[in-house]
N, C-alpha and C. Protein backbone atom coordinates (compact mmCIF):
# COMPACT_ATOMS: atom_id res chain seq x y z
N MET A 1 93.26 111.52 38.94
CA MET A 1 93.77 112.45 39.93
C MET A 1 95.05 111.90 40.54
N GLN A 2 95.93 112.79 40.88
CA GLN A 2 97.16 112.39 41.55
C GLN A 2 96.87 112.17 43.02
N PRO A 3 97.67 111.30 43.71
CA PRO A 3 97.42 111.01 45.12
C PRO A 3 97.39 112.26 46.00
N ASP A 4 98.30 113.22 45.78
CA ASP A 4 98.29 114.41 46.63
C ASP A 4 97.04 115.25 46.37
N CYS A 5 96.52 115.22 45.17
CA CYS A 5 95.29 115.93 44.85
C CYS A 5 94.11 115.27 45.58
N LEU A 6 94.10 113.94 45.62
CA LEU A 6 93.05 113.23 46.34
C LEU A 6 93.08 113.56 47.82
N VAL A 7 94.27 113.68 48.38
CA VAL A 7 94.39 114.02 49.79
C VAL A 7 93.82 115.41 50.04
N ARG A 8 94.15 116.36 49.14
CA ARG A 8 93.65 117.73 49.30
C ARG A 8 92.13 117.77 49.14
N VAL A 9 91.61 117.04 48.16
CA VAL A 9 90.16 117.01 47.96
C VAL A 9 89.49 116.35 49.16
N SER A 10 90.05 115.26 49.67
CA SER A 10 89.49 114.60 50.84
C SER A 10 89.53 115.50 52.05
N ALA A 11 90.62 116.24 52.22
CA ALA A 11 90.73 117.16 53.35
C ALA A 11 89.69 118.27 53.23
N ALA A 12 89.47 118.76 52.02
CA ALA A 12 88.47 119.81 51.81
C ALA A 12 87.07 119.29 52.12
N ILE A 13 86.79 118.06 51.69
CA ILE A 13 85.48 117.46 51.96
C ILE A 13 85.31 117.26 53.46
N LEU A 14 86.35 116.78 54.12
CA LEU A 14 86.30 116.58 55.57
C LEU A 14 86.07 117.91 56.27
N ALA A 15 86.74 118.96 55.82
CA ALA A 15 86.56 120.28 56.42
C ALA A 15 85.13 120.76 56.24
N LEU A 16 84.56 120.52 55.05
CA LEU A 16 83.17 120.93 54.82
C LEU A 16 82.20 120.14 55.68
N LEU A 17 82.48 118.84 55.83
CA LEU A 17 81.61 118.02 56.65
C LEU A 17 81.68 118.41 58.12
N LEU A 18 82.86 118.80 58.56
CA LEU A 18 83.04 119.11 59.97
C LEU A 18 82.86 120.59 60.29
N SER A 19 82.68 121.44 59.28
CA SER A 19 82.56 122.87 59.53
C SER A 19 81.41 123.21 60.47
N PRO A 20 80.26 122.53 60.39
CA PRO A 20 79.21 122.84 61.36
C PRO A 20 79.61 122.46 62.79
N LEU A 21 80.61 121.63 62.90
CA LEU A 21 81.02 121.15 64.22
C LEU A 21 82.20 121.91 64.78
N CYS A 22 82.59 123.00 64.14
CA CYS A 22 83.78 123.73 64.58
C CYS A 22 83.72 124.09 66.05
N GLY A 23 82.57 124.43 66.55
CA GLY A 23 82.45 124.79 67.96
C GLY A 23 82.54 123.58 68.86
N CYS A 24 82.38 122.38 68.32
CA CYS A 24 82.38 121.18 69.15
C CYS A 24 83.72 120.92 69.79
N VAL A 25 84.78 121.17 69.09
CA VAL A 25 86.10 120.88 69.63
C VAL A 25 86.39 121.77 70.82
N ASN A 26 86.06 123.06 70.70
CA ASN A 26 86.32 123.99 71.79
C ASN A 26 85.24 123.95 72.86
N SER A 27 84.08 123.36 72.56
CA SER A 27 83.00 123.36 73.53
C SER A 27 83.32 122.50 74.74
N GLU A 28 84.21 121.50 74.58
CA GLU A 28 84.59 120.69 75.72
C GLU A 28 85.30 121.54 76.76
N LYS A 29 86.10 122.50 76.29
CA LYS A 29 86.83 123.37 77.21
C LYS A 29 85.87 124.30 77.94
N SER A 30 84.84 124.75 77.24
CA SER A 30 83.92 125.69 77.86
C SER A 30 82.87 124.98 78.70
N GLY A 31 82.79 123.66 78.58
CA GLY A 31 81.85 122.90 79.39
C GLY A 31 80.48 122.77 78.76
N THR A 32 80.27 123.30 77.57
CA THR A 32 78.98 123.16 76.91
C THR A 32 78.94 121.86 76.13
N THR A 33 77.76 121.38 75.90
CA THR A 33 77.59 120.13 75.16
C THR A 33 77.56 120.45 73.67
N ALA A 34 78.29 119.71 72.89
CA ALA A 34 78.41 119.97 71.46
C ALA A 34 77.14 119.54 70.73
N ALA A 35 76.85 120.22 69.64
CA ALA A 35 75.70 119.86 68.81
C ALA A 35 75.88 118.46 68.24
N PHE A 36 77.12 118.11 67.93
CA PHE A 36 77.42 116.78 67.40
C PHE A 36 77.06 115.71 68.42
N ALA A 37 77.38 115.96 69.68
CA ALA A 37 77.09 115.00 70.74
C ALA A 37 75.58 114.86 70.94
N HIS A 38 74.83 115.94 70.73
CA HIS A 38 73.38 115.85 70.84
C HIS A 38 72.81 114.97 69.75
N ALA A 39 73.32 115.11 68.54
CA ALA A 39 72.82 114.32 67.42
C ALA A 39 73.24 112.86 67.53
N ASN A 40 74.44 112.62 68.04
CA ASN A 40 75.01 111.27 68.18
C ASN A 40 75.56 111.13 69.59
N PRO A 41 74.74 110.81 70.56
CA PRO A 41 75.21 110.80 71.94
C PRO A 41 76.31 109.78 72.20
N GLU A 42 76.37 108.72 71.40
CA GLU A 42 77.41 107.71 71.63
C GLU A 42 78.75 108.08 70.98
N VAL A 43 78.78 109.13 70.15
CA VAL A 43 79.99 109.55 69.46
C VAL A 43 80.46 110.89 70.01
N VAL A 44 81.72 110.92 70.43
CA VAL A 44 82.32 112.17 70.90
C VAL A 44 83.44 112.52 69.93
N LEU A 45 83.44 113.76 69.46
CA LEU A 45 84.46 114.19 68.51
C LEU A 45 85.72 114.58 69.28
N ASN A 46 86.77 113.80 69.08
CA ASN A 46 88.07 114.09 69.69
C ASN A 46 89.15 113.66 68.72
N ASP A 47 90.41 113.71 69.14
CA ASP A 47 91.51 113.36 68.23
C ASP A 47 91.38 111.94 67.68
N THR A 48 90.98 111.00 68.50
CA THR A 48 90.87 109.61 68.07
C THR A 48 89.73 109.42 67.08
N THR A 49 88.56 109.96 67.39
CA THR A 49 87.42 109.78 66.49
C THR A 49 87.61 110.56 65.19
N LEU A 50 88.33 111.67 65.25
CA LEU A 50 88.60 112.43 64.04
C LEU A 50 89.47 111.62 63.09
N VAL A 51 90.48 110.94 63.63
CA VAL A 51 91.35 110.09 62.81
C VAL A 51 90.54 108.93 62.21
N ALA A 52 89.68 108.32 63.01
CA ALA A 52 88.85 107.22 62.51
C ALA A 52 87.90 107.70 61.42
N LEU A 53 87.33 108.89 61.60
CA LEU A 53 86.43 109.44 60.59
C LEU A 53 87.18 109.73 59.30
N ARG A 54 88.37 110.26 59.41
CA ARG A 54 89.19 110.56 58.23
C ARG A 54 89.52 109.27 57.48
N GLU A 55 89.84 108.19 58.20
CA GLU A 55 90.16 106.92 57.55
C GLU A 55 88.95 106.34 56.83
N ARG A 56 87.74 106.58 57.37
CA ARG A 56 86.53 106.10 56.70
C ARG A 56 86.24 106.89 55.44
N ILE A 57 86.61 108.16 55.41
CA ILE A 57 86.32 109.01 54.26
C ILE A 57 87.32 108.80 53.13
N LEU A 58 88.60 108.63 53.47
CA LEU A 58 89.63 108.48 52.44
C LEU A 58 89.42 107.20 51.65
N ALA A 59 89.75 107.25 50.38
CA ALA A 59 89.59 106.09 49.51
C ALA A 59 90.58 104.99 49.89
N ALA A 60 90.11 103.76 49.87
CA ALA A 60 90.96 102.60 50.14
C ALA A 60 91.78 102.29 48.88
N PRO A 61 92.90 101.59 49.04
CA PRO A 61 93.73 101.27 47.87
C PRO A 61 92.96 100.54 46.75
N GLN A 62 92.06 99.64 47.11
CA GLN A 62 91.30 98.93 46.07
C GLN A 62 90.34 99.87 45.34
N ASP A 63 89.94 100.98 45.97
CA ASP A 63 89.10 101.96 45.30
C ASP A 63 89.88 102.78 44.28
N LEU A 64 91.18 102.81 44.40
CA LEU A 64 92.03 103.59 43.50
C LEU A 64 92.73 102.73 42.46
N ALA A 65 92.30 101.48 42.30
CA ALA A 65 92.94 100.56 41.36
C ALA A 65 92.84 101.07 39.92
N TRP A 66 91.79 101.83 39.60
CA TRP A 66 91.63 102.34 38.24
C TRP A 66 92.78 103.26 37.84
N GLU A 67 93.48 103.85 38.83
CA GLU A 67 94.59 104.73 38.51
C GLU A 67 95.79 103.97 37.94
N SER A 68 95.85 102.66 38.17
CA SER A 68 96.97 101.86 37.67
C SER A 68 96.78 101.47 36.19
N ILE A 69 95.61 101.72 35.63
CA ILE A 69 95.35 101.41 34.22
C ILE A 69 96.07 102.43 33.34
N ALA A 70 96.70 101.96 32.32
CA ALA A 70 97.44 102.84 31.41
C ALA A 70 96.46 103.43 30.40
N TRP A 71 95.73 104.46 30.81
CA TRP A 71 94.76 105.10 29.94
C TRP A 71 95.47 105.80 28.79
N ARG A 72 94.86 105.80 27.63
CA ARG A 72 95.43 106.45 26.45
C ARG A 72 94.61 107.69 26.11
N PRO A 73 95.26 108.79 25.88
CA PRO A 73 94.52 110.01 25.54
C PRO A 73 94.00 110.02 24.10
N SER A 74 94.53 109.14 23.29
CA SER A 74 94.15 109.09 21.88
C SER A 74 93.52 107.74 21.57
N LEU A 75 92.35 107.76 20.94
CA LEU A 75 91.68 106.51 20.56
C LEU A 75 92.54 105.73 19.58
N TRP A 76 93.16 106.42 18.65
CA TRP A 76 93.96 105.73 17.64
C TRP A 76 95.14 105.01 18.27
N GLU A 77 95.80 105.66 19.25
CA GLU A 77 96.90 104.98 19.98
C GLU A 77 96.39 103.70 20.62
N ALA A 78 95.24 103.79 21.26
CA ALA A 78 94.67 102.62 21.94
C ALA A 78 94.31 101.52 20.95
N VAL A 79 93.76 101.91 19.80
CA VAL A 79 93.39 100.91 18.78
C VAL A 79 94.63 100.19 18.27
N LEU A 80 95.69 100.94 17.98
CA LEU A 80 96.93 100.31 17.50
C LEU A 80 97.53 99.40 18.56
N GLU A 81 97.56 99.86 19.82
CA GLU A 81 98.11 99.03 20.89
C GLU A 81 97.24 97.80 21.13
N GLY A 82 95.92 97.98 21.12
CA GLY A 82 95.01 96.84 21.29
C GLY A 82 95.17 95.82 20.19
N ASP A 83 95.40 96.29 18.96
CA ASP A 83 95.60 95.40 17.83
C ASP A 83 96.90 94.61 17.99
N ARG A 84 97.96 95.33 18.42
CA ARG A 84 99.25 94.65 18.62
C ARG A 84 99.15 93.58 19.71
N GLU A 85 98.47 93.90 20.80
CA GLU A 85 98.40 92.98 21.94
C GLU A 85 97.18 92.07 21.91
N GLU A 86 96.36 92.19 20.86
CA GLU A 86 95.13 91.41 20.72
C GLU A 86 94.26 91.54 21.96
N ARG A 87 94.02 92.80 22.35
CA ARG A 87 93.19 93.10 23.51
C ARG A 87 92.11 94.10 23.09
N PRO A 88 90.98 94.07 23.78
CA PRO A 88 89.91 95.01 23.42
C PRO A 88 90.23 96.42 23.89
N VAL A 89 89.51 97.37 23.31
CA VAL A 89 89.68 98.78 23.67
C VAL A 89 88.36 99.27 24.26
N LEU A 90 88.45 99.94 25.39
CA LEU A 90 87.28 100.55 26.00
C LEU A 90 87.30 102.03 25.66
N LEU A 91 86.23 102.49 25.02
CA LEU A 91 86.10 103.90 24.69
C LEU A 91 85.12 104.52 25.68
N TRP A 92 85.60 105.46 26.46
CA TRP A 92 84.76 106.14 27.44
C TRP A 92 84.54 107.55 26.92
N ALA A 93 83.35 107.83 26.46
CA ALA A 93 83.03 109.14 25.89
C ALA A 93 81.95 109.79 26.74
N MET A 94 82.14 111.07 27.02
CA MET A 94 81.18 111.81 27.83
C MET A 94 80.92 113.17 27.19
N ASN A 95 79.80 113.74 27.56
CA ASN A 95 79.49 115.09 27.14
C ASN A 95 79.54 115.97 28.38
N GLY A 96 80.54 116.80 28.50
CA GLY A 96 80.67 117.67 29.66
C GLY A 96 81.78 117.22 30.58
N HIS A 97 81.95 117.95 31.64
CA HIS A 97 83.00 117.69 32.62
C HIS A 97 82.63 116.47 33.44
N PRO A 98 83.59 115.55 33.74
CA PRO A 98 83.27 114.33 34.48
C PRO A 98 82.73 114.58 35.89
N LEU A 99 83.02 115.74 36.48
CA LEU A 99 82.52 116.04 37.82
C LEU A 99 81.31 116.96 37.78
N GLY A 100 80.81 117.23 36.58
CA GLY A 100 79.64 118.09 36.45
C GLY A 100 79.97 119.56 36.56
N CYS A 101 81.24 119.92 36.50
CA CYS A 101 81.65 121.32 36.60
C CYS A 101 81.63 121.92 35.20
N THR A 102 80.58 122.65 34.89
CA THR A 102 80.48 123.25 33.56
C THR A 102 80.44 124.76 33.65
């Protein structure tokens, strides 16, 4: 995945996770207690905690290290390159979509 795609996917996941809490942000203005605060009395959803939550959800640079690998779309290309460089070849074969979207 490209970095901007990861950001969009992360934002979508964050939106889905926080969608039940949509009323929580405005509930402070109305004076009602948020459902989120009832479940987690020590955590209050505000601009600061939202940023901290987003940082916990987003992938860290070491989690994205696999993107720096020069993957080959063709096994034969990889075999020839591995032979030239005297390096092994990893063949990753799957049946179906990697995210389970069939």
